[in-house]
Structures are given as structure tokens and as C-alpha cells.
């Protein structure tokens, strides 16, 4: 892949917890405008990998380059300011605040070092109008004045994406966004991600569900026990016998 196309490049990434090799020597790249999937069975190391890219964990070894700049080891808030925004498998919206105020809090984080000190100054007409544009982008503008904690899980996930987009990221990272959603809510959420893709958003999707990842991703990297076992288009990955064995092995263990 030409260097000018690479937004994120990861080289030899490792994370060891004592004797456990949670992620072991993984290479990966994400090019501008694509949706890259990181998939694998439970315990494959996906979330650990994700947390290293986002700054929640410091790698044991390896490099993480964003736009050619090394960012491994930076704290999460510094990584966010470099342009990586994330969502969480377990939603972390401010449930006692309105949907709109959740967006205004994201603006405060983006524009000032002290979130709570600057939150009161974020309630301007201009900021409220901007908040509505992000809420409209994820189709929850109708709930702007509602408490975030009263939203359904699917709409909370949409709110998390709106907050992430409000940070104006160059890379949006989604951590198992469809986990816990009903079948209908999953379909709706996949449509939303498709909409973001059409707007040119660069996305890295961590996903357990092969069907969801196949539908959304341009390319996929597959982890198993912390090791990369395959990479390619969804069709190539789906037909890879090593990947099939990994997922079948998980199903047999569950059974």
C-alpha cells in the first residue's frame, strides 16, 4: 500500500500481561476512507489491540503510526487530540445529561483542557446548532432534549458515535458496536455505519460477529489467541480455512 494512502500503520504490536501474550507481533494498516475490520473469536485479543491504539494500554513493543507520527504510549486524551475517537462496547454516555448536553460536553473536551470548567461556556447558540448537525447525522436529533439514560441501547450507541464525531476525528474506532443489540437494531446500526462510510469517514471496526463485519468492512484482519492469522477482503477471509477453523473451534468450545 502506498504510504500516502496509509492513515494508520501498526508494526509488530505486542501486549503481554505477565506470561500471557494477549497480542503478539501484529502488523496492520488502515488507509484513508476505508472501513477496516479487526475480527476474531472471543479472547482473540481484539479489545486489547484496540485499547493500545486508543491509548488506554501502553504496548509491550511495537509501533503505532498515525499520519506517519508515532503515537504508541501516549495517554488516551492525547491520542484523541491527535485525531482518533472511539466508542465503547459498554456505552459511556452521560446518562443524567440530555442528549444535546452530551454533545456540548464533547465540544468542551475538543476546545478546552478542562471539561467541566468549560462546559458552561459551551451552551452557545452556535454550539447548540452544531450539536444538532451531529445528532442529525446519526438520526437522533428528535431526542435532543431527552435524558441520555432514557434512550434505548441502540440509540445510546448512536449518541456515542455522535460524540466521537464531534471531536472531528480522522479515524473513528468502533468497539463491537452491535453487541447486545436486537436483530432489527443491528440492521439499523449497520445502515448508520454505511451512511458514515458514504461520507468518507475512515473507520476501524472491532467486531466478533463475522456477518456484521463482512457486511461493513472493505478489508478485515483476523486475530486468534493474539496472533494475526489472516487478512484480506471479507470474501477472502470468509473462505480462509484457518479462519473457519478458529471460529468453528470457538463454537465447539461453546457447545
C-alpha atoms as a PDB file:
ATOM      1  CA  UNK A   1       0.000   0.000   0.000  1.00  0.00           C
ATOM      2  CA  UNK A   2       1.463   3.420  -0.942  1.00  0.00           C
ATOM      3  CA  UNK A   3       2.498   5.377   2.136  1.00  0.00           C
ATOM      4  CA  UNK A   4       0.332   8.357   1.168  1.00  0.00           C
ATOM      5  CA  UNK A   5      -2.786   6.172   1.443  1.00  0.00           C
ATOM      6  CA  UNK A   6      -1.979   4.946   4.948  1.00  0.00           C
ATOM      7  CA  UNK A   7      -3.679   6.774   7.765  1.00  0.00           C
ATOM      8  CA  UNK A   8      -2.804   4.229  10.456  1.00  0.00           C
ATOM      9  CA  UNK A   9       0.165   1.851  10.325  1.00  0.00           C
ATOM     10  CA  UNK A  10       0.911  -0.653  13.061  1.00  0.00           C
ATOM     11  CA  UNK A  11       4.171  -2.571  13.156  1.00  0.00           C
ATOM     12  CA  UNK A  12       4.975  -5.548  15.390  1.00  0.00           C
ATOM     13  CA  UNK A  13       2.485  -4.622  18.091  1.00  0.00           C
ATOM     14  CA  UNK A  14       2.718  -6.678  21.273  1.00  0.00           C
ATOM     15  CA  UNK A  15       0.990  -6.644  24.644  1.00  0.00           C
ATOM     16  CA  UNK A  16       1.992  -9.123  27.318  1.00  0.00           C
ATOM     17  CA  UNK A  17       0.333  -9.473  30.694  1.00  0.00           C
ATOM     18  CA  UNK A  18       2.919 -11.471  32.608  1.00  0.00           C
ATOM     19  CA  UNK A  19       3.229 -14.703  30.658  1.00  0.00           C
ATOM     20  CA  UNK A  20       0.042 -14.105  28.650  1.00  0.00           C
ATOM     21  CA  UNK A  21       0.677 -12.872  25.114  1.00  0.00           C
ATOM     22  CA  UNK A  22      -2.616 -11.028  24.573  1.00  0.00           C
ATOM     23  CA  UNK A  23      -1.353  -9.503  21.307  1.00  0.00           C
ATOM     24  CA  UNK A  24       1.767 -10.911  19.696  1.00  0.00           C
ATOM     25  CA  UNK A  25       3.645  -9.173  16.883  1.00  0.00           C
ATOM     26  CA  UNK A  26       0.670  -7.898  14.863  1.00  0.00           C
ATOM     27  CA  UNK A  27       1.043  -5.697  11.765  1.00  0.00           C
ATOM     28  CA  UNK A  28      -1.945  -3.802  10.389  1.00  0.00           C
ATOM     29  CA  UNK A  29      -2.697  -0.742   8.283  1.00  0.00           C
ATOM     30  CA  UNK A  30      -5.776   1.362   7.613  1.00  0.00           C
ATOM     31  CA  UNK A  31      -5.968   3.540   4.540  1.00  0.00           C
ATOM     32  CA  UNK A  32      -7.887   6.781   4.298  1.00  0.00           C
ATOM     33  CA  UNK A  33     -11.598   6.386   3.645  1.00  0.00           C
ATOM     34  CA  UNK A  34     -11.817   2.631   4.210  1.00  0.00           C
ATOM     35  CA  UNK A  35     -13.547   0.575   6.858  1.00  0.00           C
ATOM     36  CA  UNK A  36     -11.057  -1.886   8.322  1.00  0.00           C
ATOM     37  CA  UNK A  37     -12.359  -4.722  10.457  1.00  0.00           C
ATOM     38  CA  UNK A  38     -10.493  -6.386  13.306  1.00  0.00           C
ATOM     39  CA  UNK A  39     -12.289  -9.641  13.957  1.00  0.00           C
ATOM     40  CA  UNK A  40     -11.773 -12.929  15.731  1.00  0.00           C
ATOM     41  CA  UNK A  41     -13.258 -15.337  18.279  1.00  0.00           C
ATOM     42  CA  UNK A  42     -13.727 -14.377  21.921  1.00  0.00           C
ATOM     43  CA  UNK A  43     -10.365 -13.958  23.635  1.00  0.00           C
ATOM     44  CA  UNK A  44      -8.583 -13.275  20.350  1.00  0.00           C
ATOM     45  CA  UNK A  45      -7.005 -10.040  21.615  1.00  0.00           C
ATOM     46  CA  UNK A  46      -9.209  -7.616  19.669  1.00  0.00           C
ATOM     47  CA  UNK A  47     -10.090  -5.296  22.547  1.00  0.00           C
ATOM     48  CA  UNK A  48      -6.512  -5.300  23.869  1.00  0.00           C
ATOM     49  CA  UNK A  49      -5.296  -4.288  20.411  1.00  0.00           C
ATOM     50  CA  UNK A  50      -7.989  -1.612  20.214  1.00  0.00           C
ATOM     51  CA  UNK A  51      -7.047  -0.245  23.639  1.00  0.00           C
ATOM     52  CA  UNK A  52      -3.396   0.101  22.641  1.00  0.00           C
ATOM     53  CA  UNK A  53      -4.295   2.092  19.530  1.00  0.00           C
ATOM     54  CA  UNK A  54      -6.575   4.366  21.579  1.00  0.00           C
ATOM     55  CA  UNK A  55      -4.006   4.933  24.333  1.00  0.00           C
ATOM     56  CA  UNK A  56      -5.732   3.011  27.109  1.00  0.00           C
ATOM     57  CA  UNK A  57      -2.863   0.481  27.191  1.00  0.00           C
ATOM     58  CA  UNK A  58       0.837   1.003  26.577  1.00  0.00           C
ATOM     59  CA  UNK A  59       2.231  -1.622  24.182  1.00  0.00           C
ATOM     60  CA  UNK A  60       4.912  -4.029  25.375  1.00  0.00           C
ATOM     61  CA  UNK A  61       6.578  -3.491  21.994  1.00  0.00           C
ATOM     62  CA  UNK A  62       5.822  -2.250  18.517  1.00  0.00           C
ATOM     63  CA  UNK A  63       4.924   0.988  16.771  1.00  0.00           C
ATOM     64  CA  UNK A  64       1.631   2.771  16.097  1.00  0.00           C
ATOM     65  CA  UNK A  65       1.879   5.495  13.466  1.00  0.00           C
ATOM     66  CA  UNK A  66      -0.934   7.947  12.731  1.00  0.00           C
ATOM     67  CA  UNK A  67      -0.245  10.017   9.632  1.00  0.00           C
ATOM     68  CA  UNK A  68       3.362   8.897   9.950  1.00  0.00           C
ATOM     69  CA  UNK A  69       3.740  10.079  13.561  1.00  0.00           C
ATOM     70  CA  UNK A  70       4.443   7.568  16.323  1.00  0.00           C
ATOM     71  CA  UNK A  71       1.727   7.676  18.989  1.00  0.00           C
ATOM     72  CA  UNK A  72       2.306   4.444  20.952  1.00  0.00           C
ATOM     73  CA  UNK A  73       2.420   5.079  24.686  1.00  0.00           C
ATOM     74  CA  UNK A  74       0.575   8.410  24.554  1.00  0.00           C
ATOM     75  CA  UNK A  75      -2.300   8.723  27.054  1.00  0.00           C
ATOM     76  CA  UNK A  76      -5.841   8.362  25.722  1.00  0.00           C
ATOM     77  CA  UNK A  77      -6.654  12.084  25.816  1.00  0.00           C
ATOM     78  CA  UNK A  78      -3.527  12.870  23.781  1.00  0.00           C
ATOM     79  CA  UNK A  79      -4.393  10.176  21.232  1.00  0.00           C
ATOM     80  CA  UNK A  80      -7.889  11.665  20.954  1.00  0.00           C
ATOM     81  CA  UNK A  81      -6.417  15.070  20.254  1.00  0.00           C
ATOM     82  CA  UNK A  82      -4.240  13.527  17.541  1.00  0.00           C
ATOM     83  CA  UNK A  83      -7.453  12.521  15.774  1.00  0.00           C
ATOM     84  CA  UNK A  84      -8.581   9.081  16.983  1.00  0.00           C
ATOM     85  CA  UNK A  85     -12.063   8.917  18.501  1.00  0.00           C
ATOM     86  CA  UNK A  86     -13.564   5.742  19.909  1.00  0.00           C
ATOM     87  CA  UNK A  87     -16.765   4.208  21.141  1.00  0.00           C
ATOM     88  CA  UNK A  88     -17.030   1.518  23.799  1.00  0.00           C
ATOM     89  CA  UNK A  89     -18.607  -1.929  23.866  1.00  0.00           C
ATOM     90  CA  UNK A  90     -20.308  -0.844  27.107  1.00  0.00           C
ATOM     91  CA  UNK A  91     -21.723   2.605  26.419  1.00  0.00           C
ATOM     92  CA  UNK A  92     -20.256   5.516  28.360  1.00  0.00           C
ATOM     93  CA  UNK A  93     -22.681   8.334  27.696  1.00  0.00           C
ATOM     94  CA  UNK A  94     -23.514  10.819  30.479  1.00  0.00           C
ATOM     95  CA  UNK A  95     -26.858   9.255  31.338  1.00  0.00           C
ATOM     96  CA  UNK A  96     -28.093  12.054  33.635  1.00  0.00           C
ATOM     97  CA  UNK A  97     -27.450  14.703  30.976  1.00  0.00           C
ATOM     98  CA  UNK A  98     -29.603  15.414  27.953  1.00  0.00           C
ATOM     99  CA  UNK A  99     -28.606  14.064  24.571  1.00  0.00           C
ATOM    100  CA  UNK A 100     -27.757  17.611  23.464  1.00  0.00           C
ATOM    101  CA  UNK A 101     -25.617  18.263  26.553  1.00  0.00           C
ATOM    102  CA  UNK A 102     -23.656  15.089  25.844  1.00  0.00           C
ATOM    103  CA  UNK A 103     -22.628  16.698  22.554  1.00  0.00           C
ATOM    104  CA  UNK A 104     -21.821  20.020  24.203  1.00  0.00           C
ATOM    105  CA  UNK A 105     -19.561  18.169  26.634  1.00  0.00           C
ATOM    106  CA  UNK A 106     -17.703  16.700  23.643  1.00  0.00           C
ATOM    107  CA  UNK A 107     -17.225  20.219  22.261  1.00  0.00           C
ATOM    108  CA  UNK A 108     -15.818  21.339  25.602  1.00  0.00           C
ATOM    109  CA  UNK A 109     -13.310  18.478  25.544  1.00  0.00           C
ATOM    110  CA  UNK A 110     -12.325  19.314  21.977  1.00  0.00           C
ATOM    111  CA  UNK A 111     -11.832  23.017  22.555  1.00  0.00           C
ATOM    112  CA  UNK A 112     -10.502  23.340  26.091  1.00  0.00           C
ATOM    113  CA  UNK A 113      -8.302  21.363  28.515  1.00  0.00           C
ATOM    114  CA  UNK A 114     -10.779  21.482  31.414  1.00  0.00           C
ATOM    115  CA  UNK A 115     -14.058  19.742  30.534  1.00  0.00           C
ATOM    116  CA  UNK A 116     -16.161  20.805  33.477  1.00  0.00           C
ATOM    117  CA  UNK A 117     -14.637  24.269  33.704  1.00  0.00           C
ATOM    118  CA  UNK A 118     -15.578  24.977  30.102  1.00  0.00           C
ATOM    119  CA  UNK A 119     -18.880  23.098  29.872  1.00  0.00           C
ATOM    120  CA  UNK A 120     -20.914  26.096  30.999  1.00  0.00           C
ATOM    121  CA  UNK A 121     -19.363  28.227  28.281  1.00  0.00           C
ATOM    122  CA  UNK A 122     -20.281  25.684  25.595  1.00  0.00           C
ATOM    123  CA  UNK A 123     -24.034  26.378  25.730  1.00  0.00           C
ATOM    124  CA  UNK A 124     -23.994  28.947  22.954  1.00  0.00           C
ATOM    125  CA  UNK A 125     -26.471  29.123  20.097  1.00  0.00           C
ATOM    126  CA  UNK A 126     -23.704  28.239  17.652  1.00  0.00           C
ATOM    127  CA  UNK A 127     -22.671  25.172  19.657  1.00  0.00           C
ATOM    128  CA  UNK A 128     -26.271  24.006  20.014  1.00  0.00           C
ATOM    129  CA  UNK A 129     -26.757  24.301  16.263  1.00  0.00           C
ATOM    130  CA  UNK A 130     -23.555  22.348  15.676  1.00  0.00           C
ATOM    131  CA  UNK A 131     -24.685  19.701  18.171  1.00  0.00           C
ATOM    132  CA  UNK A 132     -27.885  19.255  16.190  1.00  0.00           C
ATOM    133  CA  UNK A 133     -25.911  18.634  12.988  1.00  0.00           C
ATOM    134  CA  UNK A 134     -24.126  15.693  14.625  1.00  0.00           C
ATOM    135  CA  UNK A 135     -27.340  14.361  16.138  1.00  0.00           C
ATOM    136  CA  UNK A 136     -28.984  14.591  12.713  1.00  0.00           C
ATOM    137  CA  UNK A 137     -26.050  12.728  11.200  1.00  0.00           C
ATOM    138  CA  UNK A 138     -26.778   9.745  13.459  1.00  0.00           C
ATOM    139  CA  UNK A 139     -30.575  10.186  13.251  1.00  0.00           C
ATOM    140  CA  UNK A 140     -31.330  11.023  16.899  1.00  0.00           C
ATOM    141  CA  UNK A 141     -31.964  14.782  16.678  1.00  0.00           C
ATOM    142  CA  UNK A 142     -35.565  14.195  17.791  1.00  0.00           C
ATOM    143  CA  UNK A 143     -34.260  13.129  21.214  1.00  0.00           C
ATOM    144  CA  UNK A 144     -32.020  16.165  21.810  1.00  0.00           C
ATOM    145  CA  UNK A 145     -33.831  17.314  24.980  1.00  0.00           C
ATOM    146  CA  UNK A 146     -34.295  13.821  26.374  1.00  0.00           C
ATOM    147  CA  UNK A 147     -32.092  12.343  29.100  1.00  0.00           C
ATOM    148  CA  UNK A 148     -29.468  10.124  27.552  1.00  0.00           C
ATOM    149  CA  UNK A 149     -30.168   7.419  30.131  1.00  0.00           C
ATOM    150  CA  UNK A 150     -33.711   7.066  28.792  1.00  0.00           C
ATOM    151  CA  UNK A 151     -32.547   6.096  25.310  1.00  0.00           C
ATOM    152  CA  UNK A 152     -32.594   2.533  24.047  1.00  0.00           C
ATOM    153  CA  UNK A 153     -29.216   0.788  23.823  1.00  0.00           C
ATOM    154  CA  UNK A 154     -29.143   1.259  20.059  1.00  0.00           C
ATOM    155  CA  UNK A 155     -29.741   4.991  20.365  1.00  0.00           C
ATOM    156  CA  UNK A 156     -27.133   5.267  23.121  1.00  0.00           C
ATOM    157  CA  UNK A 157     -24.660   3.749  20.678  1.00  0.00           C
ATOM    158  CA  UNK A 158     -25.680   6.360  18.116  1.00  0.00           C
ATOM    159  CA  UNK A 159     -25.134   9.088  20.710  1.00  0.00           C
ATOM    160  CA  UNK A 160     -21.662   7.721  21.409  1.00  0.00           C
ATOM    161  CA  UNK A 161     -20.855   7.922  17.716  1.00  0.00           C
ATOM    162  CA  UNK A 162     -22.194  11.492  17.562  1.00  0.00           C
ATOM    163  CA  UNK A 163     -19.937  12.450  20.490  1.00  0.00           C
ATOM    164  CA  UNK A 164     -16.977  10.787  18.796  1.00  0.00           C
ATOM    165  CA  UNK A 165     -17.703  12.633  15.533  1.00  0.00           C
ATOM    166  CA  UNK A 166     -17.917  15.911  17.467  1.00  0.00           C
ATOM    167  CA  UNK A 167     -14.209  15.507  18.253  1.00  0.00           C
ATOM    168  CA  UNK A 168     -13.623  15.831  14.491  1.00  0.00           C
ATOM    169  CA  UNK A 169     -11.541  12.645  14.259  1.00  0.00           C
ATOM    170  CA  UNK A 170      -9.541  11.472  11.297  1.00  0.00           C
ATOM    171  CA  UNK A 171     -10.123   7.865  12.455  1.00  0.00           C
ATOM    172  CA  UNK A 172     -13.303   6.584  14.098  1.00  0.00           C
ATOM    173  CA  UNK A 173     -12.860   3.361  16.091  1.00  0.00           C
ATOM    174  CA  UNK A 174     -15.953   1.327  16.953  1.00  0.00           C
ATOM    175  CA  UNK A 175     -15.652  -1.365  19.630  1.00  0.00           C
ATOM    176  CA  UNK A 176     -18.225  -4.111  18.966  1.00  0.00           C
ATOM    177  CA  UNK A 177     -20.967  -1.550  18.240  1.00  0.00           C
ATOM    178  CA  UNK A 178     -23.655  -4.166  17.630  1.00  0.00           C
ATOM    179  CA  UNK A 179     -23.037  -6.172  20.823  1.00  0.00           C
ATOM    180  CA  UNK A 180     -26.278  -6.631  22.752  1.00  0.00           C
ATOM    181  CA  UNK A 181     -28.482  -5.128  20.052  1.00  0.00           C
ATOM    182  CA  UNK A 182     -31.596  -6.828  18.719  1.00  0.00           C
ATOM    183  CA  UNK A 183     -31.642  -8.065  15.149  1.00  0.00           C
ATOM    184  CA  UNK A 184     -33.611  -5.022  13.961  1.00  0.00           C
ATOM    185  CA  UNK A 185     -31.396  -2.596  15.900  1.00  0.00           C
ATOM    186  CA  UNK A 186     -28.319  -4.271  14.407  1.00  0.00           C
ATOM    187  CA  UNK A 187     -29.670  -3.771  10.882  1.00  0.00           C
ATOM    188  CA  UNK A 188     -30.417  -0.115  11.670  1.00  0.00           C
ATOM    189  CA  UNK A 189     -26.934   0.372  13.097  1.00  0.00           C
ATOM    190  CA  UNK A 190     -25.301  -1.215  10.076  1.00  0.00           C
ATOM    191  CA  UNK A 191     -27.216   1.248   7.898  1.00  0.00           C
ATOM    192  CA  UNK A 192     -25.808   4.092  10.004  1.00  0.00           C
ATOM    193  CA  UNK A 193     -22.239   2.860   9.580  1.00  0.00           C
ATOM    194  CA  UNK A 194     -22.902   2.577   5.852  1.00  0.00           C
ATOM    195  CA  UNK A 195     -24.004   6.213   5.869  1.00  0.00           C
ATOM    196  CA  UNK A 196     -20.789   7.265   7.637  1.00  0.00           C
ATOM    197  CA  UNK A 197     -18.765   5.273   5.101  1.00  0.00           C
ATOM    198  CA  UNK A 198     -20.503   7.112   2.262  1.00  0.00           C
ATOM    199  CA  UNK A 199     -19.452  10.423   3.850  1.00  0.00           C
ATOM    200  CA  UNK A 200     -15.806   9.346   3.630  1.00  0.00           C
ATOM    201  CA  UNK A 201     -15.287   8.520   7.311  1.00  0.00           C
ATOM    202  CA  UNK A 202     -12.279   6.282   7.977  1.00  0.00           C
ATOM    203  CA  UNK A 203     -13.403   3.549  10.361  1.00  0.00           C
ATOM    204  CA  UNK A 204     -11.725   0.753  12.273  1.00  0.00           C
ATOM    205  CA  UNK A 205     -14.309  -1.725  13.473  1.00  0.00           C
ATOM    206  CA  UNK A 206     -13.634  -4.259  16.200  1.00  0.00           C
ATOM    207  CA  UNK A 207     -16.243  -6.963  15.831  1.00  0.00           C
ATOM    208  CA  UNK A 208     -16.935 -10.512  16.941  1.00  0.00           C
ATOM    209  CA  UNK A 209     -19.849 -11.118  14.588  1.00  0.00           C
ATOM    210  CA  UNK A 210     -18.500 -12.250  11.225  1.00  0.00           C
ATOM    211  CA  UNK A 211     -21.749 -11.360   9.440  1.00  0.00           C
ATOM    212  CA  UNK A 212     -21.697  -7.758  10.663  1.00  0.00           C
ATOM    213  CA  UNK A 213     -18.024  -7.328   9.797  1.00  0.00           C
ATOM    214  CA  UNK A 214     -18.452  -8.866   6.352  1.00  0.00           C
ATOM    215  CA  UNK A 215     -21.301  -6.502   5.513  1.00  0.00           C
ATOM    216  CA  UNK A 216     -19.488  -3.351   6.661  1.00  0.00           C
ATOM    217  CA  UNK A 217     -15.771  -3.800   6.047  1.00  0.00           C
ATOM    218  CA  UNK A 218     -13.635  -3.234   2.974  1.00  0.00           C
ATOM    219  CA  UNK A 219     -10.830  -5.348   4.449  1.00  0.00           C
ATOM    220  CA  UNK A 220     -10.509  -7.470   7.573  1.00  0.00           C
ATOM    221  CA  UNK A 221      -7.684  -8.653   9.817  1.00  0.00           C
ATOM    222  CA  UNK A 222      -8.342 -11.758  11.870  1.00  0.00           C
ATOM    223  CA  UNK A 223      -6.783 -12.428  15.278  1.00  0.00           C
ATOM    224  CA  UNK A 224      -6.750 -15.695  17.159  1.00  0.00           C
ATOM    225  CA  UNK A 225      -5.044 -16.013  20.550  1.00  0.00           C
ATOM    226  CA  UNK A 226      -3.326 -12.679  19.945  1.00  0.00           C
ATOM    227  CA  UNK A 227      -1.796 -13.633  16.581  1.00  0.00           C
ATOM    228  CA  UNK A 228      -2.828 -12.410  13.143  1.00  0.00           C
ATOM    229  CA  UNK A 229      -3.987 -15.455  11.204  1.00  0.00           C
ATOM    230  CA  UNK A 230      -5.476 -13.846   8.097  1.00  0.00           C
ATOM    231  CA  UNK A 231      -6.075 -10.580   6.279  1.00  0.00           C
ATOM    232  CA  UNK A 232      -7.929  -9.631   3.116  1.00  0.00           C
ATOM    233  CA  UNK A 233     -11.312  -8.783   1.688  1.00  0.00           C
ATOM    234  CA  UNK A 234     -14.365 -10.156   3.502  1.00  0.00           C
ATOM    235  CA  UNK A 235     -14.752 -12.810   0.811  1.00  0.00           C
ATOM    236  CA  UNK A 236     -11.116 -13.894   1.120  1.00  0.00           C
ATOM    237  CA  UNK A 237     -11.300 -14.042   4.899  1.00  0.00           C
ATOM    238  CA  UNK A 238     -14.605 -15.912   4.974  1.00  0.00           C
ATOM    239  CA  UNK A 239     -13.232 -18.646   2.730  1.00  0.00           C
ATOM    240  CA  UNK A 240      -9.905 -18.966   4.556  1.00  0.00           C
ATOM    241  CA  UNK A 241      -9.748 -22.438   6.164  1.00  0.00           C
ATOM    242  CA  UNK A 242      -7.628 -21.153   9.088  1.00  0.00           C
ATOM    243  CA  UNK A 243     -10.303 -18.581   9.926  1.00  0.00           C
ATOM    244  CA  UNK A 244     -13.065 -21.151   9.579  1.00  0.00           C
ATOM    245  CA  UNK A 245     -11.227 -23.453  11.973  1.00  0.00           C
ATOM    246  CA  UNK A 246     -10.791 -20.656  14.506  1.00  0.00           C
ATOM    247  CA  UNK A 247     -14.492 -19.798  14.552  1.00  0.00           C
ATOM    248  CA  UNK A 248     -15.562 -23.446  14.446  1.00  0.00           C
ATOM    249  CA  UNK A 249     -13.244 -24.165  17.362  1.00  0.00           C
ATOM    250  CA  UNK A 250     -14.964 -21.445  19.348  1.00  0.00           C
ATOM    251  CA  UNK A 251     -18.380 -22.865  18.515  1.00  0.00           C
ATOM    252  CA  UNK A 252     -17.301 -26.344  19.588  1.00  0.00           C
ATOM    253  CA  UNK A 253     -15.995 -24.991  22.903  1.00  0.00           C
ATOM    254  CA  UNK A 254     -19.294 -23.168  23.473  1.00  0.00           C
ATOM    255  CA  UNK A 255     -21.211 -26.321  22.678  1.00  0.00           C
END
